[in-house]
mmCIF file of all heavy atoms, coordinates in Angstrom:
data_MODEL
# 
_entry.id   MODEL 
# 
loop_
_atom_site.group_PDB 
_atom_site.id 
_atom_site.type_symbol 
_atom_site.label_atom_id 
_atom_site.label_alt_id 
_atom_site.label_comp_id 
_atom_site.label_asym_id 
_atom_site.label_entity_id 
_atom_site.label_seq_id 
_atom_site.pdbx_PDB_ins_code 
_atom_site.Cartn_x 
_atom_site.Cartn_y 
_atom_site.Cartn_z 
_atom_site.occupancy 
_atom_site.B_iso_or_equiv 
_atom_site.pdbx_formal_charge 
_atom_site.auth_seq_id 
_atom_site.auth_comp_id 
_atom_site.auth_asym_id 
_atom_site.auth_atom_id 
_atom_site.pdbx_PDB_model_num 
ATOM 1   N N   . ILE A 1 1  ? 24.019 -130.954 -29.305 1.00 0.00 ? 1  ILE A N   1 
ATOM 2   C CA  . ILE A 1 1  ? 22.817 -130.513 -30.020 1.00 0.00 ? 1  ILE A CA  1 
ATOM 3   C C   . ILE A 1 1  ? 22.011 -129.554 -29.152 1.00 0.00 ? 1  ILE A C   1 
ATOM 4   O O   . ILE A 1 1  ? 21.538 -128.503 -29.602 1.00 0.00 ? 1  ILE A O   1 
ATOM 5   C CB  . ILE A 1 1  ? 21.956 -131.737 -30.417 1.00 0.00 ? 1  ILE A CB  1 
ATOM 6   C CG1 . ILE A 1 1  ? 22.669 -132.558 -31.497 1.00 0.00 ? 1  ILE A CG1 1 
ATOM 7   C CG2 . ILE A 1 1  ? 20.578 -131.295 -30.918 1.00 0.00 ? 1  ILE A CG2 1 
ATOM 8   C CD1 . ILE A 1 1  ? 22.019 -133.907 -31.757 1.00 0.00 ? 1  ILE A CD1 1 
ATOM 9   N N   . ASN A 1 2  ? 21.865 -129.901 -27.883 1.00 0.00 ? 2  ASN A N   1 
ATOM 10  C CA  . ASN A 1 2  ? 21.118 -129.067 -26.948 1.00 0.00 ? 2  ASN A CA  1 
ATOM 11  C C   . ASN A 1 2  ? 21.759 -127.682 -26.830 1.00 0.00 ? 2  ASN A C   1 
ATOM 12  O O   . ASN A 1 2  ? 21.077 -126.645 -26.834 1.00 0.00 ? 2  ASN A O   1 
ATOM 13  C CB  . ASN A 1 2  ? 21.068 -129.754 -25.586 1.00 0.00 ? 2  ASN A CB  1 
ATOM 14  C CG  . ASN A 1 2  ? 20.174 -129.035 -24.590 1.00 0.00 ? 2  ASN A CG  1 
ATOM 15  O OD1 . ASN A 1 2  ? 19.013 -128.746 -24.879 1.00 0.00 ? 2  ASN A OD1 1 
ATOM 16  N ND2 . ASN A 1 2  ? 20.733 -128.719 -23.419 1.00 0.00 ? 2  ASN A ND2 1 
ATOM 17  N N   . THR A 1 3  ? 23.110 -127.645 -26.749 1.00 0.00 ? 3  THR A N   1 
ATOM 18  C CA  . THR A 1 3  ? 23.828 -126.368 -26.623 1.00 0.00 ? 3  THR A CA  1 
ATOM 19  C C   . THR A 1 3  ? 23.668 -125.516 -27.881 1.00 0.00 ? 3  THR A C   1 
ATOM 20  O O   . THR A 1 3  ? 23.401 -124.307 -27.804 1.00 0.00 ? 3  THR A O   1 
ATOM 21  C CB  . THR A 1 3  ? 25.324 -126.638 -26.353 1.00 0.00 ? 3  THR A CB  1 
ATOM 22  O OG1 . THR A 1 3  ? 25.451 -127.387 -25.150 1.00 0.00 ? 3  THR A OG1 1 
ATOM 23  C CG2 . THR A 1 3  ? 26.093 -125.333 -26.221 1.00 0.00 ? 3  THR A CG2 1 
ATOM 24  N N   . ARG A 1 4  ? 23.833 -126.128 -29.043 1.00 0.00 ? 4  ARG A N   1 
ATOM 25  C CA  . ARG A 1 4  ? 23.728 -125.388 -30.299 1.00 0.00 ? 4  ARG A CA  1 
ATOM 26  C C   . ARG A 1 4  ? 22.320 -124.839 -30.514 1.00 0.00 ? 4  ARG A C   1 
ATOM 27  O O   . ARG A 1 4  ? 22.141 -123.704 -30.970 1.00 0.00 ? 4  ARG A O   1 
ATOM 28  C CB  . ARG A 1 4  ? 24.130 -126.290 -31.468 1.00 0.00 ? 4  ARG A CB  1 
ATOM 29  C CG  . ARG A 1 4  ? 25.619 -126.586 -31.538 1.00 0.00 ? 4  ARG A CG  1 
ATOM 30  C CD  . ARG A 1 4  ? 25.925 -127.522 -32.680 1.00 0.00 ? 4  ARG A CD  1 
ATOM 31  N NE  . ARG A 1 4  ? 27.352 -127.794 -32.778 1.00 0.00 ? 4  ARG A NE  1 
ATOM 32  C CZ  . ARG A 1 4  ? 27.874 -128.680 -33.618 1.00 0.00 ? 4  ARG A CZ  1 
ATOM 33  N NH1 . ARG A 1 4  ? 27.070 -129.370 -34.432 1.00 0.00 ? 4  ARG A NH1 1 
ATOM 34  N NH2 . ARG A 1 4  ? 29.177 -128.873 -33.658 1.00 0.00 ? 4  ARG A NH2 1 
ATOM 35  N N   . LEU A 1 5  ? 21.326 -125.647 -30.188 1.00 0.00 ? 5  LEU A N   1 
ATOM 36  C CA  . LEU A 1 5  ? 19.939 -125.186 -30.358 1.00 0.00 ? 5  LEU A CA  1 
ATOM 37  C C   . LEU A 1 5  ? 19.628 -124.042 -29.388 1.00 0.00 ? 5  LEU A C   1 
ATOM 38  O O   . LEU A 1 5  ? 18.889 -123.109 -29.728 1.00 0.00 ? 5  LEU A O   1 
ATOM 39  C CB  . LEU A 1 5  ? 18.964 -126.349 -30.153 1.00 0.00 ? 5  LEU A CB  1 
ATOM 40  C CG  . LEU A 1 5  ? 18.962 -127.428 -31.240 1.00 0.00 ? 5  LEU A CG  1 
ATOM 41  C CD1 . LEU A 1 5  ? 17.978 -128.550 -30.874 1.00 0.00 ? 5  LEU A CD1 1 
ATOM 42  C CD2 . LEU A 1 5  ? 18.596 -126.853 -32.602 1.00 0.00 ? 5  LEU A CD2 1 
ATOM 43  N N   . ARG A 1 6  ? 20.196 -124.114 -28.167 1.00 0.00 ? 6  ARG A N   1 
ATOM 44  C CA  . ARG A 1 6  ? 19.987 -123.019 -27.217 1.00 0.00 ? 6  ARG A CA  1 
ATOM 45  C C   . ARG A 1 6  ? 20.537 -121.709 -27.790 1.00 0.00 ? 6  ARG A C   1 
ATOM 46  O O   . ARG A 1 6  ? 19.917 -120.650 -27.646 1.00 0.00 ? 6  ARG A O   1 
ATOM 47  C CB  . ARG A 1 6  ? 20.676 -123.337 -25.896 1.00 0.00 ? 6  ARG A CB  1 
ATOM 48  C CG  . ARG A 1 6  ? 20.463 -122.220 -24.844 1.00 0.00 ? 6  ARG A CG  1 
ATOM 49  C CD  . ARG A 1 6  ? 21.352 -122.375 -23.632 1.00 0.00 ? 6  ARG A CD  1 
ATOM 50  N NE  . ARG A 1 6  ? 21.000 -123.569 -22.868 1.00 0.00 ? 6  ARG A NE  1 
ATOM 51  C CZ  . ARG A 1 6  ? 21.837 -124.581 -22.656 1.00 0.00 ? 6  ARG A CZ  1 
ATOM 52  N NH1 . ARG A 1 6  ? 23.053 -124.546 -23.173 1.00 0.00 ? 6  ARG A NH1 1 
ATOM 53  N NH2 . ARG A 1 6  ? 21.455 -125.623 -21.956 1.00 0.00 ? 6  ARG A NH2 1 
ATOM 54  N N   . GLU A 1 7  ? 21.715 -121.798 -28.434 1.00 0.00 ? 7  GLU A N   1 
ATOM 55  C CA  . GLU A 1 7  ? 22.306 -120.610 -29.033 1.00 0.00 ? 7  GLU A CA  1 
ATOM 56  C C   . GLU A 1 7  ? 21.454 -120.056 -30.165 1.00 0.00 ? 7  GLU A C   1 
ATOM 57  O O   . GLU A 1 7  ? 21.522 -118.861 -30.474 1.00 0.00 ? 7  GLU A O   1 
ATOM 58  C CB  . GLU A 1 7  ? 23.712 -120.935 -29.541 1.00 0.00 ? 7  GLU A CB  1 
ATOM 59  C CG  . GLU A 1 7  ? 24.699 -121.268 -28.416 1.00 0.00 ? 7  GLU A CG  1 
ATOM 60  C CD  . GLU A 1 7  ? 26.001 -121.824 -28.937 1.00 0.00 ? 7  GLU A CD  1 
ATOM 61  O OE1 . GLU A 1 7  ? 26.082 -122.074 -30.169 1.00 0.00 ? 7  GLU A OE1 1 
ATOM 62  O OE2 . GLU A 1 7  ? 26.944 -122.013 -28.131 1.00 0.00 ? 7  GLU A OE2 1 
ATOM 63  N N   . MET A 1 8  ? 20.656 -120.923 -30.812 1.00 0.00 ? 8  MET A N   1 
ATOM 64  C CA  . MET A 1 8  ? 19.747 -120.490 -31.878 1.00 0.00 ? 8  MET A CA  1 
ATOM 65  C C   . MET A 1 8  ? 18.364 -120.116 -31.330 1.00 0.00 ? 8  MET A C   1 
ATOM 66  O O   . MET A 1 8  ? 17.439 -119.867 -32.104 1.00 0.00 ? 8  MET A O   1 
ATOM 67  C CB  . MET A 1 8  ? 19.573 -121.617 -32.916 1.00 0.00 ? 8  MET A CB  1 
ATOM 68  C CG  . MET A 1 8  ? 20.832 -122.026 -33.630 1.00 0.00 ? 8  MET A CG  1 
ATOM 69  S SD  . MET A 1 8  ? 20.472 -123.375 -34.805 1.00 0.00 ? 8  MET A SD  1 
ATOM 70  C CE  . MET A 1 8  ? 22.123 -123.813 -35.337 1.00 0.00 ? 8  MET A CE  1 
ATOM 71  N N   . GLU A 1 9  ? 18.227 -120.167 -29.999 1.00 0.00 ? 9  GLU A N   1 
ATOM 72  C CA  . GLU A 1 9  ? 16.954 -119.882 -29.338 1.00 0.00 ? 9  GLU A CA  1 
ATOM 73  C C   . GLU A 1 9  ? 15.887 -120.904 -29.737 1.00 0.00 ? 9  GLU A C   1 
ATOM 74  O O   . GLU A 1 9  ? 14.723 -120.581 -29.954 1.00 0.00 ? 9  GLU A O   1 
ATOM 75  C CB  . GLU A 1 9  ? 16.476 -118.448 -29.645 1.00 0.00 ? 9  GLU A CB  1 
ATOM 76  C CG  . GLU A 1 9  ? 17.425 -117.381 -29.123 1.00 0.00 ? 9  GLU A CG  1 
ATOM 77  C CD  . GLU A 1 9  ? 16.898 -115.973 -29.380 1.00 0.00 ? 9  GLU A CD  1 
ATOM 78  O OE1 . GLU A 1 9  ? 15.915 -115.831 -30.144 1.00 0.00 ? 9  GLU A OE1 1 
ATOM 79  O OE2 . GLU A 1 9  ? 17.477 -115.030 -28.815 1.00 0.00 ? 9  GLU A OE2 1 
ATOM 80  N N   . VAL A 1 10 ? 16.326 -122.139 -29.816 1.00 0.00 ? 10 VAL A N   1 
ATOM 81  C CA  . VAL A 1 10 ? 15.430 -123.267 -30.127 1.00 0.00 ? 10 VAL A CA  1 
ATOM 82  C C   . VAL A 1 10 ? 15.516 -124.257 -28.965 1.00 0.00 ? 10 VAL A C   1 
ATOM 83  O O   . VAL A 1 10 ? 16.610 -124.568 -28.479 1.00 0.00 ? 10 VAL A O   1 
ATOM 84  C CB  . VAL A 1 10 ? 15.829 -123.952 -31.450 1.00 0.00 ? 10 VAL A CB  1 
ATOM 85  C CG1 . VAL A 1 10 ? 14.940 -125.165 -31.702 1.00 0.00 ? 10 VAL A CG1 1 
ATOM 86  C CG2 . VAL A 1 10 ? 15.746 -122.965 -32.608 1.00 0.00 ? 10 VAL A CG2 1 
ATOM 87  N N   . GLN A 1 11 ? 14.357 -124.756 -28.546 1.00 0.00 ? 11 GLN A N   1 
ATOM 88  C CA  . GLN A 1 11 ? 14.320 -125.721 -27.447 1.00 0.00 ? 11 GLN A CA  1 
ATOM 89  C C   . GLN A 1 11 ? 14.336 -127.156 -27.988 1.00 0.00 ? 11 GLN A C   1 
ATOM 90  O O   . GLN A 1 11 ? 13.704 -127.454 -28.998 1.00 0.00 ? 11 GLN A O   1 
ATOM 91  C CB  . GLN A 1 11 ? 13.068 -125.508 -26.600 1.00 0.00 ? 11 GLN A CB  1 
ATOM 92  C CG  . GLN A 1 11 ? 13.077 -124.240 -25.759 1.00 0.00 ? 11 GLN A CG  1 
ATOM 93  C CD  . GLN A 1 11 ? 11.870 -124.155 -24.855 1.00 0.00 ? 11 GLN A CD  1 
ATOM 94  O OE1 . GLN A 1 11 ? 10.748 -124.432 -25.273 1.00 0.00 ? 11 GLN A OE1 1 
ATOM 95  N NE2 . GLN A 1 11 ? 12.092 -123.772 -23.593 1.00 0.00 ? 11 GLN A NE2 1 
ATOM 96  N N   . LEU A 1 12 ? 15.063 -128.029 -27.263 1.00 0.00 ? 12 LEU A N   1 
ATOM 97  C CA  . LEU A 1 12 ? 15.123 -129.447 -27.616 1.00 0.00 ? 12 LEU A CA  1 
ATOM 98  C C   . LEU A 1 12 ? 14.231 -130.227 -26.649 1.00 0.00 ? 12 LEU A C   1 
ATOM 99  O O   . LEU A 1 12 ? 14.348 -130.086 -25.430 1.00 0.00 ? 12 LEU A O   1 
ATOM 100 C CB  . LEU A 1 12 ? 16.554 -129.963 -27.531 1.00 0.00 ? 12 LEU A CB  1 
ATOM 101 C CG  . LEU A 1 12 ? 16.745 -131.467 -27.764 1.00 0.00 ? 12 LEU A CG  1 
ATOM 102 C CD1 . LEU A 1 12 ? 16.361 -131.857 -29.205 1.00 0.00 ? 12 LEU A CD1 1 
ATOM 103 C CD2 . LEU A 1 12 ? 18.198 -131.893 -27.490 1.00 0.00 ? 12 LEU A CD2 1 
ATOM 104 N N   . HIS A 1 13 ? 13.357 -131.078 -27.201 1.00 0.00 ? 13 HIS A N   1 
ATOM 105 C CA  . HIS A 1 13 ? 12.444 -131.908 -26.408 1.00 0.00 ? 13 HIS A CA  1 
ATOM 106 C C   . HIS A 1 13 ? 12.619 -133.377 -26.788 1.00 0.00 ? 13 HIS A C   1 
ATOM 107 O O   . HIS A 1 13 ? 13.020 -133.692 -27.913 1.00 0.00 ? 13 HIS A O   1 
ATOM 108 C CB  . HIS A 1 13 ? 10.988 -131.497 -26.644 1.00 0.00 ? 13 HIS A CB  1 
ATOM 109 C CG  . HIS A 1 13 ? 10.734 -130.036 -26.492 1.00 0.00 ? 13 HIS A CG  1 
ATOM 110 N ND1 . HIS A 1 13 ? 10.378 -129.453 -25.286 1.00 0.00 ? 13 HIS A ND1 1 
ATOM 111 C CD2 . HIS A 1 13 ? 10.780 -129.007 -27.398 1.00 0.00 ? 13 HIS A CD2 1 
ATOM 112 C CE1 . HIS A 1 13 ? 10.222 -128.154 -25.449 1.00 0.00 ? 13 HIS A CE1 1 
ATOM 113 N NE2 . HIS A 1 13 ? 10.462 -127.851 -26.726 1.00 0.00 ? 13 HIS A NE2 1 
ATOM 114 N N   . LEU A 1 14 ? 12.296 -134.251 -25.877 1.00 0.00 ? 14 LEU A N   1 
ATOM 115 C CA  . LEU A 1 14 ? 12.292 -135.688 -26.128 1.00 0.00 ? 14 LEU A CA  1 
ATOM 116 C C   . LEU A 1 14 ? 10.892 -136.223 -25.895 1.00 0.00 ? 14 LEU A C   1 
ATOM 117 O O   . LEU A 1 14 ? 10.169 -135.734 -25.018 1.00 0.00 ? 14 LEU A O   1 
ATOM 118 C CB  . LEU A 1 14 ? 13.276 -136.414 -25.210 1.00 0.00 ? 14 LEU A CB  1 
ATOM 119 C CG  . LEU A 1 14 ? 14.739 -135.941 -25.197 1.00 0.00 ? 14 LEU A CG  1 
ATOM 120 C CD1 . LEU A 1 14 ? 15.538 -136.775 -24.210 1.00 0.00 ? 14 LEU A CD1 1 
ATOM 121 C CD2 . LEU A 1 14 ? 15.344 -136.003 -26.588 1.00 0.00 ? 14 LEU A CD2 1 
ATOM 122 N N   . SER A 1 15 ? 10.515 -137.263 -26.676 1.00 0.00 ? 15 SER A N   1 
ATOM 123 C CA  . SER A 1 15 ? 9.220  -137.916 -26.448 1.00 0.00 ? 15 SER A CA  1 
ATOM 124 C C   . SER A 1 15 ? 9.369  -139.417 -26.599 1.00 0.00 ? 15 SER A C   1 
ATOM 125 O O   . SER A 1 15 ? 10.253 -139.901 -27.310 1.00 0.00 ? 15 SER A O   1 
ATOM 126 C CB  . SER A 1 15 ? 8.167  -137.397 -27.448 1.00 0.00 ? 15 SER A CB  1 
ATOM 127 O OG  . SER A 1 15 ? 8.402  -137.899 -28.740 1.00 0.00 ? 15 SER A OG  1 
ATOM 128 N N   . GLU A 1 16 ? 8.510  -140.147 -25.894 1.00 0.00 ? 16 GLU A N   1 
ATOM 129 C CA  . GLU A 1 16 ? 8.418  -141.609 -25.985 1.00 0.00 ? 16 GLU A CA  1 
ATOM 130 C C   . GLU A 1 16 ? 9.766  -142.283 -25.725 1.00 0.00 ? 16 GLU A C   1 
ATOM 131 O O   . GLU A 1 16 ? 10.163 -143.216 -26.419 1.00 0.00 ? 16 GLU A O   1 
ATOM 132 C CB  . GLU A 1 16 ? 7.850  -142.025 -27.344 1.00 0.00 ? 16 GLU A CB  1 
ATOM 133 C CG  . GLU A 1 16 ? 6.468  -141.432 -27.613 1.00 0.00 ? 16 GLU A CG  1 
ATOM 134 C CD  . GLU A 1 16 ? 5.815  -141.932 -28.898 1.00 0.00 ? 16 GLU A CD  1 
ATOM 135 O OE1 . GLU A 1 16 ? 6.348  -142.879 -29.505 1.00 0.00 ? 16 GLU A OE1 1 
ATOM 136 O OE2 . GLU A 1 16 ? 4.776  -141.367 -29.276 1.00 0.00 ? 16 GLU A OE2 1 
ATOM 137 N N   . VAL A 1 17 ? 10.459 -141.780 -24.689 1.00 0.00 ? 17 VAL A N   1 
ATOM 138 C CA  . VAL A 1 17 ? 11.743 -142.371 -24.311 1.00 0.00 ? 17 VAL A CA  1 
ATOM 139 C C   . VAL A 1 17 ? 11.485 -143.683 -23.562 1.00 0.00 ? 17 VAL A C   1 
ATOM 140 O O   . VAL A 1 17 ? 10.700 -143.712 -22.614 1.00 0.00 ? 17 VAL A O   1 
ATOM 141 C CB  . VAL A 1 17 ? 12.554 -141.400 -23.422 1.00 0.00 ? 17 VAL A CB  1 
ATOM 142 C CG1 . VAL A 1 17 ? 13.908 -142.013 -23.080 1.00 0.00 ? 17 VAL A CG1 1 
ATOM 143 C CG2 . VAL A 1 17 ? 12.722 -140.065 -24.122 1.00 0.00 ? 17 VAL A CG2 1 
ATOM 144 N N   . LYS A 1 18 ? 12.166 -144.744 -23.980 1.00 0.00 ? 18 LYS A N   1 
ATOM 145 C CA  . LYS A 1 18 ? 11.963 -146.043 -23.339 1.00 0.00 ? 18 LYS A CA  1 
ATOM 146 C C   . LYS A 1 18 ? 12.571 -146.055 -21.934 1.00 0.00 ? 18 LYS A C   1 
ATOM 147 O O   . LYS A 1 18 ? 13.546 -145.350 -21.655 1.00 0.00 ? 18 LYS A O   1 
ATOM 148 C CB  . LYS A 1 18 ? 12.580 -147.142 -24.196 1.00 0.00 ? 18 LYS A CB  1 
ATOM 149 C CG  . LYS A 1 18 ? 11.865 -147.323 -25.531 1.00 0.00 ? 18 LYS A CG  1 
ATOM 150 C CD  . LYS A 1 18 ? 12.430 -148.487 -26.325 1.00 0.00 ? 18 LYS A CD  1 
ATOM 151 C CE  . LYS A 1 18 ? 11.637 -148.692 -27.613 1.00 0.00 ? 18 LYS A CE  1 
ATOM 152 N NZ  . LYS A 1 18 ? 12.155 -149.802 -28.424 1.00 0.00 ? 18 LYS A NZ  1 
ATOM 153 N N   . GLY A 1 19 ? 12.001 -146.893 -21.070 1.00 0.00 ? 19 GLY A N   1 
ATOM 154 C CA  . GLY A 1 19 ? 12.417 -146.950 -19.674 1.00 0.00 ? 19 GLY A CA  1 
ATOM 155 C C   . GLY A 1 19 ? 13.908 -147.157 -19.467 1.00 0.00 ? 19 GLY A C   1 
ATOM 156 O O   . GLY A 1 19 ? 14.558 -146.390 -18.751 1.00 0.00 ? 19 GLY A O   1 
ATOM 157 N N   . PRO A 1 20 ? 14.509 -148.205 -20.075 1.00 0.00 ? 20 PRO A N   1 
ATOM 158 C CA  . PRO A 1 20 ? 15.943 -148.428 -19.864 1.00 0.00 ? 20 PRO A CA  1 
ATOM 159 C C   . PRO A 1 20 ? 16.799 -147.259 -20.344 1.00 0.00 ? 20 PRO A C   1 
ATOM 160 O O   . PRO A 1 20 ? 17.830 -146.954 -19.731 1.00 0.00 ? 20 PRO A O   1 
ATOM 161 C CB  . PRO A 1 20 ? 16.214 -149.694 -20.699 1.00 0.00 ? 20 PRO A CB  1 
ATOM 162 C CG  . PRO A 1 20 ? 14.903 -150.391 -20.778 1.00 0.00 ? 20 PRO A CG  1 
ATOM 163 C CD  . PRO A 1 20 ? 13.886 -149.304 -20.838 1.00 0.00 ? 20 PRO A CD  1 
ATOM 164 N N   . VAL A 1 21 ? 16.376 -146.601 -21.443 1.00 0.00 ? 21 VAL A N   1 
ATOM 165 C CA  . VAL A 1 21 ? 17.122 -145.442 -21.938 1.00 0.00 ? 21 VAL A CA  1 
ATOM 166 C C   . VAL A 1 21 ? 17.000 -144.286 -20.954 1.00 0.00 ? 21 VAL A C   1 
ATOM 167 O O   . VAL A 1 21 ? 17.984 -143.605 -20.629 1.00 0.00 ? 21 VAL A O   1 
ATOM 168 C CB  . VAL A 1 21 ? 16.613 -145.026 -23.335 1.00 0.00 ? 21 VAL A CB  1 
ATOM 169 C CG1 . VAL A 1 21 ? 17.324 -143.765 -23.818 1.00 0.00 ? 21 VAL A CG1 1 
ATOM 170 C CG2 . VAL A 1 21 ? 16.808 -146.159 -24.335 1.00 0.00 ? 21 VAL A CG2 1 
ATOM 171 N N   . MET A 1 22 ? 15.795 -144.063 -20.429 1.00 0.00 ? 22 MET A N   1 
ATOM 172 C CA  . MET A 1 22 ? 15.575 -142.991 -19.452 1.00 0.00 ? 22 MET A CA  1 
ATOM 173 C C   . MET A 1 22 ? 16.381 -143.246 -18.172 1.00 0.00 ? 22 MET A C   1 
ATOM 174 O O   . MET A 1 22 ? 16.935 -142.310 -17.574 1.00 0.00 ? 22 MET A O   1 
ATOM 175 C CB  . MET A 1 22 ? 14.084 -142.877 -19.124 1.00 0.00 ? 22 MET A CB  1 
ATOM 176 C CG  . MET A 1 22 ? 13.751 -141.767 -18.128 1.00 0.00 ? 22 MET A CG  1 
ATOM 177 S SD  . MET A 1 22 ? 14.217 -140.131 -18.720 1.00 0.00 ? 22 MET A SD  1 
ATOM 178 C CE  . MET A 1 22 ? 12.864 -139.846 -19.887 1.00 0.00 ? 22 MET A CE  1 
ATOM 179 N N   . ASP A 1 23 ? 16.464 -144.506 -17.758 1.00 0.00 ? 23 ASP A N   1 
ATOM 180 C CA  . ASP A 1 23 ? 17.230 -144.832 -16.554 1.00 0.00 ? 23 ASP A CA  1 
ATOM 181 C C   . ASP A 1 23 ? 18.680 -144.377 -16.687 1.00 0.00 ? 23 ASP A C   1 
ATOM 182 O O   . ASP A 1 23 ? 19.275 -143.845 -15.743 1.00 0.00 ? 23 ASP A O   1 
ATOM 183 C CB  . ASP A 1 23 ? 17.184 -146.341 -16.291 1.00 0.00 ? 23 ASP A CB  1 
ATOM 184 C CG  . ASP A 1 23 ? 15.796 -146.819 -15.884 1.00 0.00 ? 23 ASP A CG  1 
ATOM 185 O OD1 . ASP A 1 23 ? 14.980 -145.966 -15.463 1.00 0.00 ? 23 ASP A OD1 1 
ATOM 186 O OD2 . ASP A 1 23 ? 15.527 -148.026 -16.002 1.00 0.00 ? 23 ASP A OD2 1 
ATOM 187 N N   . ARG A 1 24 ? 19.244 -144.572 -17.869 1.00 0.00 ? 24 ARG A N   1 
ATOM 188 C CA  . ARG A 1 24 ? 20.648 -144.201 -18.077 1.00 0.00 ? 24 ARG A CA  1 
ATOM 189 C C   . ARG A 1 24 ? 20.791 -142.688 -18.198 1.00 0.00 ? 24 ARG A C   1 
ATOM 190 O O   . ARG A 1 24 ? 21.758 -142.107 -17.689 1.00 0.00 ? 24 ARG A O   1 
ATOM 191 C CB  . ARG A 1 24 ? 21.199 -144.901 -19.320 1.00 0.00 ? 24 ARG A CB  1 
ATOM 192 C CG  . ARG A 1 24 ? 21.232 -146.412 -19.186 1.00 0.00 ? 24 ARG A CG  1 
ATOM 193 C CD  . ARG A 1 24 ? 21.814 -147.099 -20.391 1.00 0.00 ? 24 ARG A CD  1 
ATOM 194 N NE  . ARG A 1 24 ? 23.239 -146.843 -20.533 1.00 0.00 ? 24 ARG A NE  1 
ATOM 195 C CZ  . ARG A 1 24 ? 23.992 -147.418 -21.467 1.00 0.00 ? 24 ARG A CZ  1 
ATOM 196 N NH1 . ARG A 1 24 ? 23.450 -148.253 -22.328 1.00 0.00 ? 24 ARG A NH1 1 
ATOM 197 N NH2 . ARG A 1 24 ? 25.283 -147.149 -21.546 1.00 0.00 ? 24 ARG A NH2 1 
ATOM 198 N N   . LEU A 1 25 ? 19.833 -142.038 -18.852 1.00 0.00 ? 25 LEU A N   1 
ATOM 199 C CA  . LEU A 1 25 ? 19.908 -140.584 -18.991 1.00 0.00 ? 25 LEU A CA  1 
ATOM 200 C C   . LEU A 1 25 ? 19.816 -139.893 -17.635 1.00 0.00 ? 25 LEU A C   1 
ATOM 201 O O   . LEU A 1 25 ? 20.425 -138.835 -17.415 1.00 0.00 ? 25 LEU A O   1 
ATOM 202 C CB  . LEU A 1 25 ? 18.781 -140.082 -19.911 1.00 0.00 ? 25 LEU A CB  1 
ATOM 203 C CG  . LEU A 1 25 ? 18.885 -140.460 -21.396 1.00 0.00 ? 25 LEU A CG  1 
ATOM 204 C CD1 . LEU A 1 25 ? 17.673 -139.915 -22.156 1.00 0.00 ? 25 LEU A CD1 1 
ATOM 205 C CD2 . LEU A 1 25 ? 20.179 -139.935 -22.012 1.00 0.00 ? 25 LEU A CD2 1 
ATOM 206 N N   . GLN A 1 26 ? 19.039 -140.478 -16.719 1.00 0.00 ? 26 GLN A N   1 
ATOM 207 C CA  . GLN A 1 26 ? 18.856 -139.869 -15.404 1.00 0.00 ? 26 GLN A CA  1 
ATOM 208 C C   . GLN A 1 26 ? 20.125 -139.948 -14.545 1.00 0.00 ? 26 GLN A C   1 
ATOM 209 O O   . GLN A 1 26 ? 20.226 -139.259 -13.526 1.00 0.00 ? 26 GLN A O   1 
ATOM 210 C CB  . GLN A 1 26 ? 17.689 -140.544 -14.676 1.00 0.00 ? 26 GLN A CB  1 
ATOM 211 C CG  . GLN A 1 26 ? 16.329 -140.166 -15.259 1.00 0.00 ? 26 GLN A CG  1 
ATOM 212 C CD  . GLN A 1 26 ? 15.188 -140.951 -14.642 1.00 0.00 ? 26 GLN A CD  1 
ATOM 213 O OE1 . GLN A 1 26 ? 15.392 -142.020 -14.071 1.00 0.00 ? 26 GLN A OE1 1 
ATOM 214 N NE2 . GLN A 1 26 ? 13.981 -140.419 -14.776 1.00 0.00 ? 26 GLN A NE2 1 
ATOM 215 N N   . LYS A 1 27 ? 21.090 -140.767 -14.961 1.00 0.00 ? 27 LYS A N   1 
ATOM 216 C CA  . LYS A 1 27 ? 22.344 -140.858 -14.221 1.00 0.00 ? 27 LYS A CA  1 
ATOM 217 C C   . LYS A 1 27 ? 23.281 -139.707 -14.552 1.00 0.00 ? 27 LYS A C   1 
ATOM 218 O O   . LYS A 1 27 ? 24.299 -139.523 -13.878 1.00 0.00 ? 27 LYS A O   1 
ATOM 219 C CB  . LYS A 1 27 ? 23.036 -142.192 -14.520 1.00 0.00 ? 27 LYS A CB  1 
ATOM 220 C CG  . LYS A 1 27 ? 22.260 -143.417 -14.058 1.00 0.00 ? 27 LYS A CG  1 
ATOM 221 C CD  . LYS A 1 27 ? 22.992 -144.702 -14.449 1.00 0.00 ? 27 LYS A CD  1 
ATOM 222 C CE  . LYS A 1 27 ? 22.209 -145.934 -14.013 1.00 0.00 ? 27 LYS A CE  1 
ATOM 223 N NZ  . LYS A 1 27 ? 22.892 -147.188 -14.418 1.00 0.00 ? 27 LYS A NZ  1 
# 
């Protein structure tokens, strides 16, 4: 999704990410 939106010149943002989910994303 991030790649496709970049090609469309659209930025992808996240909000209100829970701690355990953020911990895994940071890996």
